[in-house]
Amino acid sequence: MTTATRQNFYPTRFKDAARYYSTGRPVYPRLLSQRIAAVIGLTRAHAVLDVGTGPGFLAIDFARHAGTVTGLDPSLEMLEVARANAQRAGAAIAFTQGTSYDIGSQFGRVRLTTFGRSFHWTDRAATLLALDAITDAGGAVALIGDRFPEVPDNAWRPAFEALLDSYGKDESALAKLRGEPIHEAILLNSPFSHLERISVLERRSTPIEHFVDRALSFGKVWHGTPGFSKEDLALRVRTALAPHATADGLINEVVEGHALVARRPGDLPRA
């Protein structure tokens, strides 16, 4: 691995933010993992590897569909959060400290490898080659994330994004990612070059205090502004979102969970 690619990896980036993930970041729509499992034929006979597992959301979702699930993350703080979340969910998941650079035969054969907002922190081409060596025939890589479509329930979004951007505009870690090829370009030149998209939308009502935690879950607010103050950020979030809150302090939102599922062309079923 070259020095340049390792510079994109920040092992302590989420040390402070980890504690806010469980209540701050939206979980993925549960139907999303079910759809992915159906597309690739994931069953209890198969294994899943979740790279950059963070709070364990995806690992927990896929534990319902797979025989074994391993969550991999470089942050001890994140792994502590993930283990607590899995315990509450009653999900048997093996969490281990490591990065995409550690992917190898020690994980055995896997049917699916997931990346939840984490693929951009890896040496993507090298990671896909490493996964090609351990992925079952018919298996897949899934890049999973969320977005907020421009519907009336998401009228809060521009103010929230502008607030976050005001903290992270000068952060060096994000600056290094700008201008890199998009994920699709990397995948199309990898063994996993057959791409399909899956998307599920879900309407929710979320307490405004969870949006405070959501803001605090972003690494850029901790690392992008000298003299960062949690209390100042919390006040600014409450002020910005108050016009969008109901009388009982809830914010309506529509979350779109989406997946880019990448498979080997030679593994596709014949028509």
C-alpha atoms as a PDB file:
ATOM      1  CA  MET A   1       0.000   0.000   0.000  1.00  0.00           C
ATOM      2  CA  THR A   2       1.421   3.363  -0.967  1.00  0.00           C
ATOM      3  CA  THR A   3       1.943   6.261   1.381  1.00  0.00           C
ATOM      4  CA  ALA A   4      -0.489   8.334  -0.684  1.00  0.00           C
ATOM      5  CA  THR A   5      -3.333   5.881  -0.217  1.00  0.00           C
ATOM      6  CA  ARG A   6      -2.693   5.490   3.492  1.00  0.00           C
ATOM      7  CA  GLN A   7      -2.952   9.269   3.876  1.00  0.00           C
ATOM      8  CA  ASN A   8      -6.677   8.946   3.152  1.00  0.00           C
ATOM      9  CA  PHE A   9      -7.099   6.909   6.329  1.00  0.00           C
ATOM     10  CA  TYR A  10      -7.726   8.701   9.636  1.00  0.00           C
ATOM     11  CA  PRO A  11      -7.859   6.162  12.498  1.00  0.00           C
ATOM     12  CA  THR A  12      -8.844   8.648  15.227  1.00  0.00           C
ATOM     13  CA  ARG A  13     -11.277  10.750  13.180  1.00  0.00           C
ATOM     14  CA  PHE A  14     -14.386   9.460  14.970  1.00  0.00           C
ATOM     15  CA  LYS A  15     -13.012   9.144  18.499  1.00  0.00           C
ATOM     16  CA  ASP A  16     -15.139  12.037  19.789  1.00  0.00           C
ATOM     17  CA  ALA A  17     -18.057  11.563  17.403  1.00  0.00           C
ATOM     18  CA  ALA A  18     -18.657   7.839  18.060  1.00  0.00           C
ATOM     19  CA  ARG A  19     -20.845   8.318  21.131  1.00  0.00           C
ATOM     20  CA  TYR A  20     -23.373  10.348  19.110  1.00  0.00           C
ATOM     21  CA  TYR A  21     -23.894   7.895  16.251  1.00  0.00           C
ATOM     22  CA  SER A  22     -26.549   5.649  17.796  1.00  0.00           C
ATOM     23  CA  THR A  23     -29.010   8.444  18.526  1.00  0.00           C
ATOM     24  CA  GLY A  24     -27.824  10.863  15.844  1.00  0.00           C
ATOM     25  CA  ARG A  25     -27.392   8.975  12.597  1.00  0.00           C
ATOM     26  CA  PRO A  26     -30.544   7.582  10.975  1.00  0.00           C
ATOM     27  CA  VAL A  27     -30.698   3.808  10.750  1.00  0.00           C
ATOM     28  CA  TYR A  28     -31.281   2.364   7.295  1.00  0.00           C
ATOM     29  CA  PRO A  29     -34.800   1.302   6.304  1.00  0.00           C
ATOM     30  CA  ARG A  30     -35.063  -2.346   7.349  1.00  0.00           C
ATOM     31  CA  LEU A  31     -36.472  -3.290   3.965  1.00  0.00           C
ATOM     32  CA  LEU A  32     -33.189  -2.271   2.299  1.00  0.00           C
ATOM     33  CA  SER A  33     -31.175  -5.195   3.685  1.00  0.00           C
ATOM     34  CA  GLN A  34     -33.995  -7.554   2.755  1.00  0.00           C
ATOM     35  CA  ARG A  35     -33.948  -6.340  -0.849  1.00  0.00           C
ATOM     36  CA  ILE A  36     -30.160  -6.692  -1.084  1.00  0.00           C
ATOM     37  CA  ALA A  37     -30.281 -10.182   0.410  1.00  0.00           C
ATOM     38  CA  ALA A  38     -32.898 -11.234  -2.158  1.00  0.00           C
ATOM     39  CA  VAL A  39     -30.894  -9.874  -5.108  1.00  0.00           C
ATOM     40  CA  ILE A  40     -27.704 -11.763  -4.225  1.00  0.00           C
ATOM     41  CA  GLY A  41     -29.305 -14.886  -2.735  1.00  0.00           C
ATOM     42  CA  LEU A  42     -27.976 -14.286   0.777  1.00  0.00           C
ATOM     43  CA  THR A  43     -29.039 -17.048   3.192  1.00  0.00           C
ATOM     44  CA  ARG A  44     -28.187 -18.448   6.609  1.00  0.00           C
ATOM     45  CA  ALA A  45     -25.523 -20.531   4.896  1.00  0.00           C
ATOM     46  CA  HIS A  46     -23.520 -17.401   4.056  1.00  0.00           C
ATOM     47  CA  ALA A  47     -21.233 -14.868   5.746  1.00  0.00           C
ATOM     48  CA  VAL A  48     -21.277 -11.072   5.629  1.00  0.00           C
ATOM     49  CA  LEU A  49     -18.362  -8.687   6.234  1.00  0.00           C
ATOM     50  CA  ASP A  50     -19.209  -5.092   7.172  1.00  0.00           C
ATOM     51  CA  VAL A  51     -16.181  -2.848   6.597  1.00  0.00           C
ATOM     52  CA  GLY A  52     -16.134   0.379   8.581  1.00  0.00           C
ATOM     53  CA  THR A  53     -19.002  -0.930  10.676  1.00  0.00           C
ATOM     54  CA  GLY A  54     -19.244   2.219  12.796  1.00  0.00           C
ATOM     55  CA  PRO A  55     -22.206   1.833  15.187  1.00  0.00           C
ATOM     56  CA  GLY A  56     -23.029  -1.547  13.637  1.00  0.00           C
ATOM     57  CA  PHE A  57     -26.258  -0.557  11.881  1.00  0.00           C
ATOM     58  CA  LEU A  58     -25.605  -2.645   8.762  1.00  0.00           C
ATOM     59  CA  ALA A  59     -24.111  -5.568  10.651  1.00  0.00           C
ATOM     60  CA  ILE A  60     -27.267  -5.727  12.764  1.00  0.00           C
ATOM     61  CA  ASP A  61     -29.547  -5.448   9.720  1.00  0.00           C
ATOM     62  CA  PHE A  62     -27.823  -8.287   7.869  1.00  0.00           C
ATOM     63  CA  ALA A  63     -27.636 -10.540  10.923  1.00  0.00           C
ATOM     64  CA  ARG A  64     -31.303 -11.297  10.151  1.00  0.00           C
ATOM     65  CA  HIS A  65     -30.367 -12.730   6.755  1.00  0.00           C
ATOM     66  CA  ALA A  66     -26.908 -14.329   7.109  1.00  0.00           C
ATOM     67  CA  GLY A  67     -25.359 -17.149   9.090  1.00  0.00           C
ATOM     68  CA  THR A  68     -22.414 -15.094  10.372  1.00  0.00           C
ATOM     69  CA  VAL A  69     -21.615 -11.393  10.324  1.00  0.00           C
ATOM     70  CA  THR A  70     -18.298  -9.708  11.065  1.00  0.00           C
ATOM     71  CA  GLY A  71     -18.034  -5.975  11.716  1.00  0.00           C
ATOM     72  CA  LEU A  72     -14.624  -4.425  11.035  1.00  0.00           C
ATOM     73  CA  ASP A  73     -13.639  -0.939  12.204  1.00  0.00           C
ATOM     74  CA  PRO A  74     -10.385   0.824  13.169  1.00  0.00           C
ATOM     75  CA  SER A  75     -11.974   2.779  16.018  1.00  0.00           C
ATOM     76  CA  LEU A  76     -12.171   1.156  19.434  1.00  0.00           C
ATOM     77  CA  GLU A  77     -14.766   3.756  20.400  1.00  0.00           C
ATOM     78  CA  MET A  78     -16.945   2.814  17.434  1.00  0.00           C
ATOM     79  CA  LEU A  79     -16.594  -0.887  18.193  1.00  0.00           C
ATOM     80  CA  GLU A  80     -17.707  -0.285  21.759  1.00  0.00           C
ATOM     81  CA  VAL A  81     -20.831   1.478  20.462  1.00  0.00           C
ATOM     82  CA  ALA A  82     -21.468  -1.266  17.895  1.00  0.00           C
ATOM     83  CA  ARG A  83     -21.226  -4.056  20.476  1.00  0.00           C
ATOM     84  CA  ALA A  84     -23.716  -2.259  22.717  1.00  0.00           C
ATOM     85  CA  ASN A  85     -26.139  -1.780  19.816  1.00  0.00           C
ATOM     86  CA  ALA A  86     -25.852  -5.424  18.765  1.00  0.00           C
ATOM     87  CA  GLN A  87     -26.473  -6.586  22.324  1.00  0.00           C
ATOM     88  CA  ARG A  88     -29.624  -4.475  22.546  1.00  0.00           C
ATOM     89  CA  ALA A  89     -30.787  -5.886  19.200  1.00  0.00           C
ATOM     90  CA  GLY A  90     -30.049  -9.472  20.239  1.00  0.00           C
ATOM     91  CA  ALA A  91     -27.752  -9.899  17.221  1.00  0.00           C
ATOM     92  CA  ALA A  92     -24.747 -12.257  17.396  1.00  0.00           C
ATOM     93  CA  ILE A  93     -22.008 -10.361  15.535  1.00  0.00           C
ATOM     94  CA  ALA A  94     -18.221 -10.706  15.679  1.00  0.00           C
ATOM     95  CA  PHE A  95     -16.717  -7.216  15.927  1.00  0.00           C
ATOM     96  CA  THR A  96     -13.006  -6.805  15.347  1.00  0.00           C
ATOM     97  CA  GLN A  97     -10.588  -3.903  15.110  1.00  0.00           C
ATOM     98  CA  GLY A  98      -9.019  -3.403  11.702  1.00  0.00           C
ATOM     99  CA  THR A  99      -9.226  -1.599   8.383  1.00  0.00           C
ATOM    100  CA  SER A 100      -9.742  -2.443   4.739  1.00  0.00           C
ATOM    101  CA  TYR A 101      -5.990  -3.011   4.550  1.00  0.00           C
ATOM    102  CA  ASP A 102      -6.485  -6.064   6.775  1.00  0.00           C
ATOM    103  CA  ILE A 103      -8.962  -7.849   4.493  1.00  0.00           C
ATOM    104  CA  GLY A 104      -7.711 -11.375   3.824  1.00  0.00           C
ATOM    105  CA  SER A 105      -8.267 -15.084   4.213  1.00  0.00           C
ATOM    106  CA  GLN A 106      -8.743 -14.793   8.000  1.00  0.00           C
ATOM    107  CA  PHE A 107     -12.347 -13.785   7.292  1.00  0.00           C
ATOM    108  CA  GLY A 108     -13.037 -16.965   5.338  1.00  0.00           C
ATOM    109  CA  ARG A 109     -15.407 -16.910   2.381  1.00  0.00           C
ATOM    110  CA  VAL A 110     -18.042 -14.180   2.320  1.00  0.00           C
ATOM    111  CA  ARG A 111     -21.182 -13.763   0.256  1.00  0.00           C
ATOM    112  CA  LEU A 112     -21.512 -10.028   0.827  1.00  0.00           C
ATOM    113  CA  THR A 113     -19.259  -7.184   1.901  1.00  0.00           C
ATOM    114  CA  THR A 114     -20.962  -3.958   2.920  1.00  0.00           C
ATOM    115  CA  PHE A 115     -19.641  -0.420   3.234  1.00  0.00           C
ATOM    116  CA  GLY A 116     -21.890   2.070   4.985  1.00  0.00           C
ATOM    117  CA  ARG A 117     -20.539   5.538   4.136  1.00  0.00           C
ATOM    118  CA  SER A 118     -17.025   4.109   4.521  1.00  0.00           C
ATOM    119  CA  PHE A 119     -15.783   3.089   1.070  1.00  0.00           C
ATOM    120  CA  HIS A 120     -14.309   6.524   0.363  1.00  0.00           C
ATOM    121  CA  TRP A 121     -11.885   6.126   3.299  1.00  0.00           C
ATOM    122  CA  THR A 122     -10.247   3.054   1.710  1.00  0.00           C
ATOM    123  CA  ASP A 123      -7.795   2.412  -1.096  1.00  0.00           C
ATOM    124  CA  ARG A 124     -10.782   1.430  -3.193  1.00  0.00           C
ATOM    125  CA  ALA A 125      -9.132  -0.439  -6.068  1.00  0.00           C
ATOM    126  CA  ALA A 126      -6.878  -2.463  -3.760  1.00  0.00           C
ATOM    127  CA  THR A 127      -9.788  -3.204  -1.427  1.00  0.00           C
ATOM    128  CA  LEU A 128     -11.884  -4.614  -4.280  1.00  0.00           C
ATOM    129  CA  LEU A 129      -9.027  -6.861  -5.376  1.00  0.00           C
ATOM    130  CA  ALA A 130      -8.683  -8.166  -1.816  1.00  0.00           C
ATOM    131  CA  LEU A 131     -12.421  -8.825  -1.686  1.00  0.00           C
ATOM    132  CA  ASP A 132     -12.364 -10.633  -5.014  1.00  0.00           C
ATOM    133  CA  ALA A 133     -10.093 -13.233  -3.406  1.00  0.00           C
ATOM    134  CA  ILE A 134     -12.520 -14.036  -0.561  1.00  0.00           C
ATOM    135  CA  THR A 135     -15.956 -13.491  -2.117  1.00  0.00           C
ATOM    136  CA  ASP A 136     -18.087 -16.510  -3.000  1.00  0.00           C
ATOM    137  CA  ALA A 137     -19.188 -17.110  -6.564  1.00  0.00           C
ATOM    138  CA  GLY A 138     -22.396 -15.131  -6.902  1.00  0.00           C
ATOM    139  CA  GLY A 139     -21.385 -12.802  -4.079  1.00  0.00           C
ATOM    140  CA  ALA A 140     -21.343  -9.032  -4.056  1.00  0.00           C
ATOM    141  CA  VAL A 141     -20.031  -5.781  -2.655  1.00  0.00           C
ATOM    142  CA  ALA A 142     -22.663  -3.245  -1.575  1.00  0.00           C
ATOM    143  CA  LEU A 143     -22.012   0.455  -1.019  1.00  0.00           C
ATOM    144  CA  ILE A 144     -24.820   1.639   1.232  1.00  0.00           C
ATOM    145  CA  GLY A 145     -25.789   5.116   2.296  1.00  0.00           C
ATOM    146  CA  ASP A 146     -28.653   7.498   2.852  1.00  0.00           C
ATOM    147  CA  ARG A 147     -29.919  10.725   1.403  1.00  0.00           C
ATOM    148  CA  PHE A 148     -32.833  13.053   1.924  1.00  0.00           C
ATOM    149  CA  PRO A 149     -34.946  13.699  -1.171  1.00  0.00           C
ATOM    150  CA  GLU A 150     -36.324  17.174  -1.826  1.00  0.00           C
ATOM    151  CA  VAL A 151     -39.811  16.619  -0.432  1.00  0.00           C
ATOM    152  CA  PRO A 152     -41.715  18.935   1.952  1.00  0.00           C
ATOM    153  CA  ASP A 153     -40.853  16.788   4.992  1.00  0.00           C
ATOM    154  CA  ASN A 154     -37.168  17.527   4.372  1.00  0.00           C
ATOM    155  CA  ALA A 155     -37.512  21.318   4.360  1.00  0.00           C
ATOM    156  CA  TRP A 156     -35.139  21.363   7.369  1.00  0.00           C
ATOM    157  CA  ARG A 157     -32.283  19.936   5.327  1.00  0.00           C
ATOM    158  CA  PRO A 158     -30.739  23.070   3.708  1.00  0.00           C
ATOM    159  CA  ALA A 159     -30.346  24.852   7.058  1.00  0.00           C
ATOM    160  CA  PHE A 160     -28.848  21.766   8.695  1.00  0.00           C
ATOM    161  CA  GLU A 161     -26.387  21.141   5.845  1.00  0.00           C
ATOM    162  CA  ALA A 162     -25.319  24.787   5.745  1.00  0.00           C
ATOM    163  CA  LEU A 163     -24.631  24.658   9.458  1.00  0.00           C
ATOM    164  CA  LEU A 164     -22.490  21.515   9.154  1.00  0.00           C
ATOM    165  CA  ASP A 165     -20.620  22.932   6.166  1.00  0.00           C
ATOM    166  CA  SER A 166     -19.744  26.058   8.130  1.00  0.00           C
ATOM    167  CA  TYR A 167     -17.766  23.834  10.522  1.00  0.00           C
ATOM    168  CA  GLY A 168     -16.072  21.543   8.018  1.00  0.00           C
ATOM    169  CA  LYS A 169     -15.194  23.857   5.143  1.00  0.00           C
ATOM    170  CA  ASP A 170     -11.470  23.954   5.992  1.00  0.00           C
ATOM    171  CA  GLU A 171     -10.963  20.379   7.168  1.00  0.00           C
ATOM    172  CA  SER A 172      -7.945  18.734   5.546  1.00  0.00           C
ATOM    173  CA  ALA A 173      -9.340  15.175   5.621  1.00  0.00           C
ATOM    174  CA  LEU A 174     -12.312  16.102   3.456  1.00  0.00           C
ATOM    175  CA  ALA A 175     -10.178  18.242   1.170  1.00  0.00           C
ATOM    176  CA  LYS A 176      -8.075  15.189   0.294  1.00  0.00           C
ATOM    177  CA  LEU A 177     -11.176  13.365  -0.959  1.00  0.00           C
ATOM    178  CA  ARG A 178     -12.324  16.083  -3.323  1.00  0.00           C
ATOM    179  CA  GLY A 179     -11.584  15.467  -6.967  1.00  0.00           C
ATOM    180  CA  GLU A 180     -11.163  11.699  -6.628  1.00  0.00           C
ATOM    181  CA  PRO A 181     -12.991   9.407  -9.084  1.00  0.00           C
ATOM    182  CA  ILE A 182     -16.546   8.536  -8.108  1.00  0.00           C
ATOM    183  CA  HIS A 183     -17.231   5.060  -6.741  1.00  0.00           C
ATOM    184  CA  GLU A 184     -18.913   3.907  -9.954  1.00  0.00           C
ATOM    185  CA  ALA A 185     -15.759   4.609 -11.946  1.00  0.00           C
ATOM    186  CA  ILE A 186     -13.669   2.527  -9.562  1.00  0.00           C
ATOM    187  CA  LEU A 187     -16.165  -0.353  -9.532  1.00  0.00           C
ATOM    188  CA  LEU A 188     -16.515  -0.450 -13.315  1.00  0.00           C
ATOM    189  CA  ASN A 189     -12.761  -1.093 -13.544  1.00  0.00           C
ATOM    190  CA  SER A 190     -12.804  -3.757 -10.825  1.00  0.00           C
ATOM    191  CA  PRO A 191     -13.773  -7.439 -10.763  1.00  0.00           C
ATOM    192  CA  PHE A 192     -17.178  -6.293  -9.429  1.00  0.00           C
ATOM    193  CA  SER A 193     -18.194  -4.346 -12.522  1.00  0.00           C
ATOM    194  CA  HIS A 194     -21.878  -5.268 -12.834  1.00  0.00           C
ATOM    195  CA  LEU A 195     -23.752  -2.538 -10.941  1.00  0.00           C
ATOM    196  CA  GLU A 196     -27.346  -2.337  -9.743  1.00  0.00           C
ATOM    197  CA  ARG A 197     -29.068   0.251  -7.550  1.00  0.00           C
ATOM    198  CA  ILE A 198     -31.618  -0.429  -4.812  1.00  0.00           C
ATOM    199  CA  SER A 199     -33.472   2.302  -2.941  1.00  0.00           C
ATOM    200  CA  VAL A 200     -36.067   2.385  -0.142  1.00  0.00           C
ATOM    201  CA  LEU A 201     -37.731   5.548   1.222  1.00  0.00           C
ATOM    202  CA  GLU A 202     -39.092   5.796   4.752  1.00  0.00           C
ATOM    203  CA  ARG A 203     -40.956   8.623   6.526  1.00  0.00           C
ATOM    204  CA  ARG A 204     -40.045   9.311  10.162  1.00  0.00           C
ATOM    205  CA  SER A 205     -40.549  11.798  12.986  1.00  0.00           C
ATOM    206  CA  THR A 206     -37.301  12.468  14.857  1.00  0.00           C
ATOM    207  CA  PRO A 207     -36.762  14.443  18.101  1.00  0.00           C
ATOM    208  CA  ILE A 208     -34.891  17.677  17.525  1.00  0.00           C
ATOM    209  CA  GLU A 209     -32.327  16.618  20.160  1.00  0.00           C
ATOM    210  CA  HIS A 210     -31.411  13.697  17.932  1.00  0.00           C
ATOM    211  CA  PHE A 211     -30.459  16.237  15.283  1.00  0.00           C
ATOM    212  CA  VAL A 212     -28.083  17.780  17.809  1.00  0.00           C
ATOM    213  CA  ASP A 213     -26.496  14.336  18.177  1.00  0.00           C
ATOM    214  CA  ARG A 214     -26.515  13.920  14.395  1.00  0.00           C
ATOM    215  CA  ALA A 215     -24.498  17.092  14.009  1.00  0.00           C
ATOM    216  CA  LEU A 216     -22.086  15.944  16.711  1.00  0.00           C
ATOM    217  CA  SER A 217     -21.629  12.599  14.921  1.00  0.00           C
ATOM    218  CA  PHE A 218     -19.820  14.245  12.004  1.00  0.00           C
ATOM    219  CA  GLY A 219     -16.055  14.179  12.232  1.00  0.00           C
ATOM    220  CA  LYS A 220     -15.784  17.453  10.375  1.00  0.00           C
ATOM    221  CA  VAL A 221     -17.391  19.461  13.177  1.00  0.00           C
ATOM    222  CA  TRP A 222     -14.754  18.196  15.618  1.00  0.00           C
ATOM    223  CA  HIS A 223     -11.779  18.641  13.298  1.00  0.00           C
ATOM    224  CA  GLY A 224     -12.758  21.467  10.957  1.00  0.00           C
ATOM    225  CA  THR A 225     -12.987  24.441  13.301  1.00  0.00           C
ATOM    226  CA  PRO A 226     -10.415  25.605  15.892  1.00  0.00           C
ATOM    227  CA  GLY A 227     -11.934  26.067  19.332  1.00  0.00           C
ATOM    228  CA  PHE A 228     -14.955  23.881  18.562  1.00  0.00           C
ATOM    229  CA  SER A 229     -17.692  24.040  21.215  1.00  0.00           C
ATOM    230  CA  LYS A 230     -20.343  21.312  21.571  1.00  0.00           C
ATOM    231  CA  GLU A 231     -22.633  23.708  23.399  1.00  0.00           C
ATOM    232  CA  ASP A 232     -22.386  26.305  20.628  1.00  0.00           C
ATOM    233  CA  LEU A 233     -23.172  23.721  17.951  1.00  0.00           C
ATOM    234  CA  ALA A 234     -26.145  22.360  19.936  1.00  0.00           C
ATOM    235  CA  LEU A 235     -27.609  25.844  20.294  1.00  0.00           C
ATOM    236  CA  ARG A 236     -27.139  26.583  16.596  1.00  0.00           C
ATOM    237  CA  VAL A 237     -28.837  23.310  15.581  1.00  0.00           C
ATOM    238  CA  ARG A 238     -31.832  23.957  17.843  1.00  0.00           C
ATOM    239  CA  THR A 239     -32.164  27.511  16.524  1.00  0.00           C
ATOM    240  CA  ALA A 240     -31.867  26.499  12.855  1.00  0.00           C
ATOM    241  CA  LEU A 241     -34.383  23.646  13.096  1.00  0.00           C
ATOM    242  CA  ALA A 242     -36.922  25.207  15.485  1.00  0.00           C
ATOM    243  CA  PRO A 243     -39.060  26.579  12.607  1.00  0.00           C
ATOM    244  CA  HIS A 244     -39.432  23.012  11.286  1.00  0.00           C
ATOM    245  CA  ALA A 245     -40.313  21.340  14.601  1.00  0.00           C
ATOM    246  CA  THR A 246     -43.756  20.316  15.755  1.00  0.00           C
ATOM    247  CA  ALA A 247     -45.149  21.462  19.097  1.00  0.00           C
ATOM    248  CA  ASP A 248     -43.756  18.332  20.756  1.00  0.00           C
ATOM    249  CA  GLY A 249     -40.244  18.893  19.404  1.00  0.00           C
ATOM    250  CA  LEU A 250     -40.276  16.475  16.478  1.00  0.00           C
ATOM    251  CA  ILE A 251     -38.843  16.983  12.992  1.00  0.00           C
ATOM    252  CA  ASN A 252     -40.482  15.182  10.091  1.00  0.00           C
ATOM    253  CA  GLU A 253     -38.018  13.646   7.640  1.00  0.00           C
ATOM    254  CA  VAL A 254     -37.963  11.246   4.727  1.00  0.00           C
ATOM    255  CA  VAL A 255     -34.861   9.042   4.665  1.00  0.00           C
ATOM    256  CA  GLU A 256     -33.862   7.252   1.477  1.00  0.00           C
ATOM    257  CA  GLY A 257     -31.642   4.254   2.104  1.00  0.00           C
ATOM    258  CA  HIS A 258     -29.783   3.336  -1.065  1.00  0.00           C
ATOM    259  CA  ALA A 259     -27.352   0.649  -2.163  1.00  0.00           C
ATOM    260  CA  LEU A 260     -25.036   0.253  -5.114  1.00  0.00           C
ATOM    261  CA  VAL A 261     -24.702  -3.516  -5.462  1.00  0.00           C
ATOM    262  CA  ALA A 262     -21.626  -4.640  -7.390  1.00  0.00           C
ATOM    263  CA  ARG A 263     -21.191  -8.189  -8.684  1.00  0.00           C
ATOM    264  CA  ARG A 264     -18.867 -10.032 -11.016  1.00  0.00           C
ATOM    265  CA  PRO A 265     -20.347 -10.203 -14.526  1.00  0.00           C
ATOM    266  CA  GLY A 266     -19.439 -13.891 -14.760  1.00  0.00           C
ATOM    267  CA  ASP A 267     -21.489 -14.665 -11.643  1.00  0.00           C
ATOM    268  CA  LEU A 268     -24.772 -13.357 -13.001  1.00  0.00           C
ATOM    269  CA  PRO A 269     -27.549 -15.904 -13.571  1.00  0.00           C
ATOM    270  CA  ARG A 270     -28.225 -16.729 -17.179  1.00  0.00           C
ATOM    271  CA  ALA A 271     -31.420 -15.236 -18.597  1.00  0.00           C
END
